[in-house]
Amino acid sequence: MKWNELRKIAEAHGWRLWRNGSSHDIYRHPDKKEVLLIGRHGKEEIKNGTFNKLKKQIGF
């Protein structure tokens, strides 16, 4: 999966852009206390370990 696709899925699950970091966008969810870091790497593939961690955080 690519970073842009993951960003769209996160936004569809209720995550909203909170602010921009130096190389990552920081998202927050209204029902959760944690933050979600999504890299600004565009069309680059996400590595498997990183993808599994983010998938668990997003909730899909």
C-alpha atoms as a PDB file:
ATOM      1  CA  MET A   1       0.000   0.000   0.000  1.00  0.00           C
ATOM      2  CA  LYS A   2       1.166   3.523  -0.712  1.00  0.00           C
ATOM      3  CA  TRP A   3       1.245   6.425   1.755  1.00  0.00           C
ATOM      4  CA  ASN A   4      -1.400   8.387  -0.175  1.00  0.00           C
ATOM      5  CA  GLU A   5      -3.817   5.451  -0.037  1.00  0.00           C
ATOM      6  CA  LEU A   6      -3.284   5.061   3.717  1.00  0.00           C
ATOM      7  CA  ARG A   7      -3.976   8.768   4.239  1.00  0.00           C
ATOM      8  CA  LYS A   8      -7.350   8.453   2.469  1.00  0.00           C
ATOM      9  CA  ILE A   9      -8.292   5.381   4.533  1.00  0.00           C
ATOM     10  CA  ALA A  10      -7.365   7.138   7.798  1.00  0.00           C
ATOM     11  CA  GLU A  11      -9.494  10.152   6.902  1.00  0.00           C
ATOM     12  CA  ALA A  12     -12.399   7.863   6.020  1.00  0.00           C
ATOM     13  CA  HIS A  13     -12.113   6.301   9.516  1.00  0.00           C
ATOM     14  CA  GLY A  14     -12.458   9.695  11.227  1.00  0.00           C
ATOM     15  CA  TRP A  15      -8.818  10.794  11.585  1.00  0.00           C
ATOM     16  CA  ARG A  16      -8.319  14.514  10.884  1.00  0.00           C
ATOM     17  CA  LEU A  17      -5.143  16.428  10.127  1.00  0.00           C
ATOM     18  CA  TRP A  18      -4.031  18.185  13.288  1.00  0.00           C
ATOM     19  CA  ARG A  19      -0.708  19.676  12.178  1.00  0.00           C
ATOM     20  CA  ASN A  20       2.290  19.138   9.940  1.00  0.00           C
ATOM     21  CA  GLY A  21       5.558  17.867  11.341  1.00  0.00           C
ATOM     22  CA  SER A  22       8.891  18.123   9.564  1.00  0.00           C
ATOM     23  CA  SER A  23       8.481  14.932   7.512  1.00  0.00           C
ATOM     24  CA  HIS A  24       5.147  13.527   8.767  1.00  0.00           C
ATOM     25  CA  ASP A  25       1.568  14.721   9.022  1.00  0.00           C
ATOM     26  CA  ILE A  26       0.065  14.356  12.475  1.00  0.00           C
ATOM     27  CA  TYR A  27      -3.544  13.204  12.701  1.00  0.00           C
ATOM     28  CA  ARG A  28      -5.939  13.067  15.651  1.00  0.00           C
ATOM     29  CA  HIS A  29      -9.188  11.216  16.168  1.00  0.00           C
ATOM     30  CA  PRO A  30     -11.977  12.806  18.243  1.00  0.00           C
ATOM     31  CA  ASP A  31     -12.594   9.567  20.194  1.00  0.00           C
ATOM     32  CA  LYS A  32      -8.963   8.573  20.837  1.00  0.00           C
ATOM     33  CA  LYS A  33      -6.145  10.149  22.841  1.00  0.00           C
ATOM     34  CA  GLU A  34      -3.279   8.932  20.670  1.00  0.00           C
ATOM     35  CA  VAL A  35      -1.938  10.649  17.566  1.00  0.00           C
ATOM     36  CA  LEU A  36      -1.269   9.062  14.189  1.00  0.00           C
ATOM     37  CA  LEU A  37       1.895   9.891  12.233  1.00  0.00           C
ATOM     38  CA  ILE A  38       1.610   9.479   8.471  1.00  0.00           C
ATOM     39  CA  GLY A  39       4.728  10.078   6.421  1.00  0.00           C
ATOM     40  CA  ARG A  40       4.723  12.440   3.473  1.00  0.00           C
ATOM     41  CA  HIS A  41       6.278   9.941   1.095  1.00  0.00           C
ATOM     42  CA  GLY A  42       3.524  10.026  -1.534  1.00  0.00           C
ATOM     43  CA  LYS A  43       3.685   7.093  -3.935  1.00  0.00           C
ATOM     44  CA  GLU A  44       6.324   5.181  -1.979  1.00  0.00           C
ATOM     45  CA  GLU A  45       5.293   1.770  -0.643  1.00  0.00           C
ATOM     46  CA  ILE A  46       4.867   1.406   3.123  1.00  0.00           C
ATOM     47  CA  LYS A  47       7.045  -1.258   4.727  1.00  0.00           C
ATOM     48  CA  ASN A  48       5.142  -4.223   6.201  1.00  0.00           C
ATOM     49  CA  GLY A  49       5.921  -3.580   9.875  1.00  0.00           C
ATOM     50  CA  THR A  50       5.035   0.096   9.640  1.00  0.00           C
ATOM     51  CA  PHE A  51       1.858  -0.714   7.736  1.00  0.00           C
ATOM     52  CA  ASN A  52       0.706  -3.247  10.341  1.00  0.00           C
ATOM     53  CA  LYS A  53       1.302  -0.774  13.178  1.00  0.00           C
ATOM     54  CA  LEU A  54      -0.596   2.020  11.409  1.00  0.00           C
ATOM     55  CA  LYS A  55      -3.407  -0.336  10.395  1.00  0.00           C
ATOM     56  CA  LYS A  56      -3.905  -1.292  14.032  1.00  0.00           C
ATOM     57  CA  GLN A  57      -3.888   2.370  15.118  1.00  0.00           C
ATOM     58  CA  ILE A  58      -6.393   3.401  12.436  1.00  0.00           C
ATOM     59  CA  GLY A  59      -8.689   0.494  13.220  1.00  0.00           C
ATOM     60  CA  PHE A  60      -9.195  -1.421   9.983  1.00  0.00           C
END
